[in-house]
Amino acid sequence: KNCEKIHYIAPNIYCCGAGTAADTEKTTELISSQMELLRMNTGDGQSRVVTACTMLKRMLFRYQGYVSAALVLGGCDVNG
C-alpha cells in the first residue's frame, strides 16, 4: 500500500485517516475545499477546529457507514 495517511484540511488543521484509501482521500478533500470556501466567505485568517470536526461528523453521519473512513482530526486555533 502506498497512500497518504496525513491529510491537509487547513493551514492549521490536519487529519489522519484509516479505512478505505479512496474514501478517506475524497472525504478530506471535500472538507478541505469547504473549509477554504468558508475561510474566503468569512474573511477569517484561521479556520476553527470545531468547524472542521462538525463538517466531518455531518458528512460521515449522512452516509450512515457507507463511507469507510476512520479519521482523527487535530489542529490549533484561537481557542487552543
N, C-alpha and C. Protein backbone atom coordinates (compact mmCIF):
# COMPACT_ATOMS: atom_id res chain seq x y z
N LYS A 1 0.84 -1.18 0.00
CA LYS A 1 0.00 0.00 0.00
C LYS A 1 0.88 1.24 0.00
N ASN A 2 0.54 2.17 -0.85
CA ASN A 2 1.30 3.41 -0.93
C ASN A 2 0.31 4.56 -0.98
N CYS A 3 -0.08 5.05 0.18
CA CYS A 3 -1.05 6.14 0.22
C CYS A 3 -0.71 7.09 1.36
N GLU A 4 -1.23 8.29 1.26
CA GLU A 4 -1.02 9.29 2.29
C GLU A 4 -1.88 8.98 3.51
N LYS A 5 -1.30 9.09 4.68
CA LYS A 5 -2.05 8.86 5.92
C LYS A 5 -2.37 10.16 6.64
N ILE A 6 -1.63 11.23 6.34
CA ILE A 6 -1.88 12.53 6.95
C ILE A 6 -2.41 13.45 5.86
N HIS A 7 -3.61 13.98 6.09
CA HIS A 7 -4.29 14.77 5.08
C HIS A 7 -4.41 16.23 5.53
N TYR A 8 -4.23 17.12 4.58
CA TYR A 8 -4.35 18.57 4.82
C TYR A 8 -5.83 18.95 4.82
N ILE A 9 -6.25 19.69 5.84
CA ILE A 9 -7.61 20.23 5.89
C ILE A 9 -7.54 21.76 5.75
N ALA A 10 -6.69 22.37 6.53
CA ALA A 10 -6.49 23.83 6.52
C ALA A 10 -5.05 24.07 6.97
N PRO A 11 -4.55 25.30 6.83
CA PRO A 11 -3.16 25.54 7.26
C PRO A 11 -2.88 25.18 8.71
N ASN A 12 -3.89 25.23 9.55
CA ASN A 12 -3.71 24.92 10.97
C ASN A 12 -4.39 23.62 11.39
N ILE A 13 -4.93 22.84 10.44
CA ILE A 13 -5.67 21.62 10.75
C ILE A 13 -5.24 20.51 9.81
N TYR A 14 -4.91 19.36 10.39
CA TYR A 14 -4.59 18.16 9.61
C TYR A 14 -5.42 17.00 10.14
N CYS A 15 -5.50 15.94 9.34
CA CYS A 15 -6.34 14.81 9.67
C CYS A 15 -5.61 13.52 9.32
N CYS A 16 -5.63 12.55 10.22
CA CYS A 16 -5.05 11.24 9.95
C CYS A 16 -6.18 10.27 9.66
N GLY A 17 -6.01 9.46 8.63
CA GLY A 17 -7.10 8.60 8.21
C GLY A 17 -6.73 7.15 8.13
N ALA A 18 -7.74 6.30 8.38
CA ALA A 18 -7.63 4.86 8.21
C ALA A 18 -8.92 4.39 7.57
N GLY A 19 -8.84 3.24 6.93
CA GLY A 19 -10.02 2.73 6.24
C GLY A 19 -9.75 2.66 4.75
N THR A 20 -10.79 2.72 3.97
CA THR A 20 -10.64 2.70 2.52
C THR A 20 -9.93 3.97 2.07
N ALA A 21 -8.82 3.79 1.36
CA ALA A 21 -7.98 4.93 0.98
C ALA A 21 -8.75 5.96 0.16
N ALA A 22 -9.56 5.50 -0.79
CA ALA A 22 -10.32 6.43 -1.63
C ALA A 22 -11.33 7.22 -0.80
N ASP A 23 -11.97 6.56 0.15
CA ASP A 23 -12.96 7.25 0.99
C ASP A 23 -12.30 8.31 1.87
N THR A 24 -11.19 7.97 2.49
CA THR A 24 -10.52 8.96 3.34
C THR A 24 -10.00 10.12 2.52
N GLU A 25 -9.45 9.82 1.34
CA GLU A 25 -8.89 10.88 0.48
C GLU A 25 -9.97 11.85 0.01
N LYS A 26 -11.06 11.31 -0.50
CA LYS A 26 -12.13 12.17 -1.02
C LYS A 26 -12.85 12.92 0.09
N THR A 27 -13.02 12.27 1.24
CA THR A 27 -13.67 12.94 2.37
C THR A 27 -12.85 14.14 2.83
N THR A 28 -11.55 13.94 2.99
CA THR A 28 -10.70 15.04 3.45
C THR A 28 -10.56 16.13 2.39
N GLU A 29 -10.55 15.75 1.11
CA GLU A 29 -10.50 16.77 0.04
C GLU A 29 -11.77 17.63 0.05
N LEU A 30 -12.91 16.98 0.23
CA LEU A 30 -14.18 17.71 0.26
C LEU A 30 -14.23 18.67 1.45
N ILE A 31 -13.85 18.21 2.63
CA ILE A 31 -13.88 19.06 3.82
C ILE A 31 -12.86 20.18 3.68
N SER A 32 -11.70 19.88 3.10
CA SER A 32 -10.68 20.91 2.90
C SER A 32 -11.19 22.02 1.98
N SER A 33 -11.86 21.65 0.89
CA SER A 33 -12.38 22.67 -0.02
C SER A 33 -13.51 23.47 0.63
N GLN A 34 -14.36 22.80 1.41
CA GLN A 34 -15.43 23.51 2.12
C GLN A 34 -14.86 24.48 3.15
N MET A 35 -13.78 24.07 3.83
CA MET A 35 -13.14 24.97 4.81
C MET A 35 -12.52 26.17 4.11
N GLU A 36 -11.93 25.95 2.95
CA GLU A 36 -11.33 27.06 2.18
C GLU A 36 -12.41 28.05 1.75
N LEU A 37 -13.54 27.55 1.25
CA LEU A 37 -14.64 28.43 0.86
C LEU A 37 -15.18 29.20 2.05
N LEU A 38 -15.31 28.54 3.18
CA LEU A 38 -15.79 29.21 4.40
C LEU A 38 -14.81 30.30 4.83
N ARG A 39 -13.52 29.99 4.75
CA ARG A 39 -12.49 30.97 5.14
C ARG A 39 -12.54 32.19 4.22
N MET A 40 -12.77 31.98 2.92
CA MET A 40 -12.85 33.11 1.99
C MET A 40 -14.13 33.92 2.21
N ASN A 41 -15.24 33.24 2.50
CA ASN A 41 -16.50 33.95 2.71
C ASN A 41 -16.51 34.77 3.99
N THR A 42 -15.91 34.24 5.05
CA THR A 42 -15.95 34.95 6.34
C THR A 42 -14.80 35.93 6.50
N GLY A 43 -13.71 35.72 5.75
CA GLY A 43 -12.56 36.62 5.87
C GLY A 43 -11.70 36.33 7.08
N ASP A 44 -11.95 35.20 7.75
CA ASP A 44 -11.14 34.84 8.91
C ASP A 44 -9.77 34.36 8.45
N GLY A 45 -8.78 34.60 9.28
CA GLY A 45 -7.44 34.16 8.95
C GLY A 45 -7.24 32.68 9.21
N GLN A 46 -7.81 32.20 10.31
CA GLN A 46 -7.64 30.80 10.69
C GLN A 46 -8.98 30.09 10.73
N SER A 47 -8.97 28.84 10.34
CA SER A 47 -10.17 28.01 10.46
C SER A 47 -10.23 27.46 11.88
N ARG A 48 -11.44 27.22 12.36
CA ARG A 48 -11.60 26.66 13.69
C ARG A 48 -11.70 25.14 13.59
N VAL A 49 -11.06 24.46 14.52
CA VAL A 49 -11.03 23.01 14.53
C VAL A 49 -12.43 22.46 14.74
N VAL A 50 -13.22 23.10 15.57
CA VAL A 50 -14.57 22.62 15.84
C VAL A 50 -15.45 22.69 14.59
N THR A 51 -15.20 23.65 13.71
CA THR A 51 -15.94 23.74 12.46
C THR A 51 -15.61 22.56 11.55
N ALA A 52 -14.33 22.23 11.43
CA ALA A 52 -13.93 21.09 10.62
C ALA A 52 -14.48 19.79 11.20
N CYS A 53 -14.47 19.68 12.51
CA CYS A 53 -14.99 18.49 13.18
C CYS A 53 -16.49 18.34 12.91
N THR A 54 -17.23 19.42 12.99
CA THR A 54 -18.67 19.38 12.74
C THR A 54 -18.97 19.00 11.30
N MET A 55 -18.20 19.57 10.36
CA MET A 55 -18.40 19.22 8.95
C MET A 55 -18.13 17.74 8.69
N LEU A 56 -17.05 17.22 9.28
CA LEU A 56 -16.73 15.81 9.12
C LEU A 56 -17.80 14.92 9.73
N LYS A 57 -18.26 15.26 10.93
CA LYS A 57 -19.29 14.46 11.59
C LYS A 57 -20.56 14.41 10.78
N ARG A 58 -20.97 15.55 10.27
CA ARG A 58 -22.22 15.61 9.49
C ARG A 58 -22.10 14.81 8.20
N MET A 59 -20.95 14.91 7.55
CA MET A 59 -20.79 14.17 6.30
C MET A 59 -20.78 12.67 6.53
N LEU A 60 -20.02 12.22 7.52
CA LEU A 60 -19.94 10.79 7.79
C LEU A 60 -21.28 10.24 8.29
N PHE A 61 -22.02 11.01 9.07
CA PHE A 61 -23.32 10.57 9.54
C PHE A 61 -24.33 10.49 8.40
N ARG A 62 -24.23 11.41 7.46
CA ARG A 62 -25.15 11.45 6.32
C ARG A 62 -25.09 10.15 5.52
N TYR A 63 -23.90 9.56 5.39
CA TYR A 63 -23.75 8.35 4.60
C TYR A 63 -23.89 7.06 5.41
N GLN A 64 -24.16 7.15 6.70
CA GLN A 64 -24.53 6.02 7.55
C GLN A 64 -23.63 4.79 7.40
N GLY A 65 -22.33 4.97 7.37
CA GLY A 65 -21.42 3.84 7.31
C GLY A 65 -21.00 3.41 5.92
N TYR A 66 -21.59 3.96 4.87
CA TYR A 66 -21.19 3.60 3.52
C TYR A 66 -19.86 4.22 3.13
N VAL A 67 -19.46 5.27 3.83
CA VAL A 67 -18.12 5.84 3.66
C VAL A 67 -17.24 5.21 4.72
N SER A 68 -16.31 4.39 4.29
CA SER A 68 -15.46 3.64 5.22
C SER A 68 -14.20 4.45 5.54
N ALA A 69 -14.36 5.43 6.42
CA ALA A 69 -13.24 6.29 6.78
C ALA A 69 -13.25 6.50 8.29
N ALA A 70 -12.14 6.18 8.92
CA ALA A 70 -11.94 6.48 10.34
C ALA A 70 -10.91 7.60 10.40
N LEU A 71 -11.30 8.73 10.94
CA LEU A 71 -10.45 9.92 10.89
C LEU A 71 -10.16 10.46 12.28
N VAL A 72 -8.94 10.93 12.46
CA VAL A 72 -8.54 11.62 13.69
C VAL A 72 -8.15 13.03 13.27
N LEU A 73 -8.91 14.00 13.77
CA LEU A 73 -8.72 15.40 13.39
C LEU A 73 -7.91 16.12 14.46
N GLY A 74 -6.96 16.93 14.04
CA GLY A 74 -6.17 17.68 15.01
C GLY A 74 -5.73 19.01 14.44
N GLY A 75 -5.58 19.98 15.33
CA GLY A 75 -5.14 21.29 14.88
C GLY A 75 -5.07 22.26 16.04
N CYS A 76 -4.69 23.48 15.73
CA CYS A 76 -4.59 24.52 16.73
C CYS A 76 -5.25 25.77 16.17
N ASP A 77 -6.13 26.38 16.96
CA ASP A 77 -6.81 27.60 16.52
C ASP A 77 -6.80 28.62 17.65
N VAL A 78 -7.66 29.63 17.54
CA VAL A 78 -7.69 30.71 18.52
C VAL A 78 -8.06 30.21 19.92
N ASN A 79 -8.75 29.09 20.00
CA ASN A 79 -9.18 28.55 21.29
C ASN A 79 -8.19 27.55 21.87
N GLY A 80 -7.10 27.30 21.15
CA GLY A 80 -6.08 26.43 21.69
C GLY A 80 -6.01 25.08 21.10
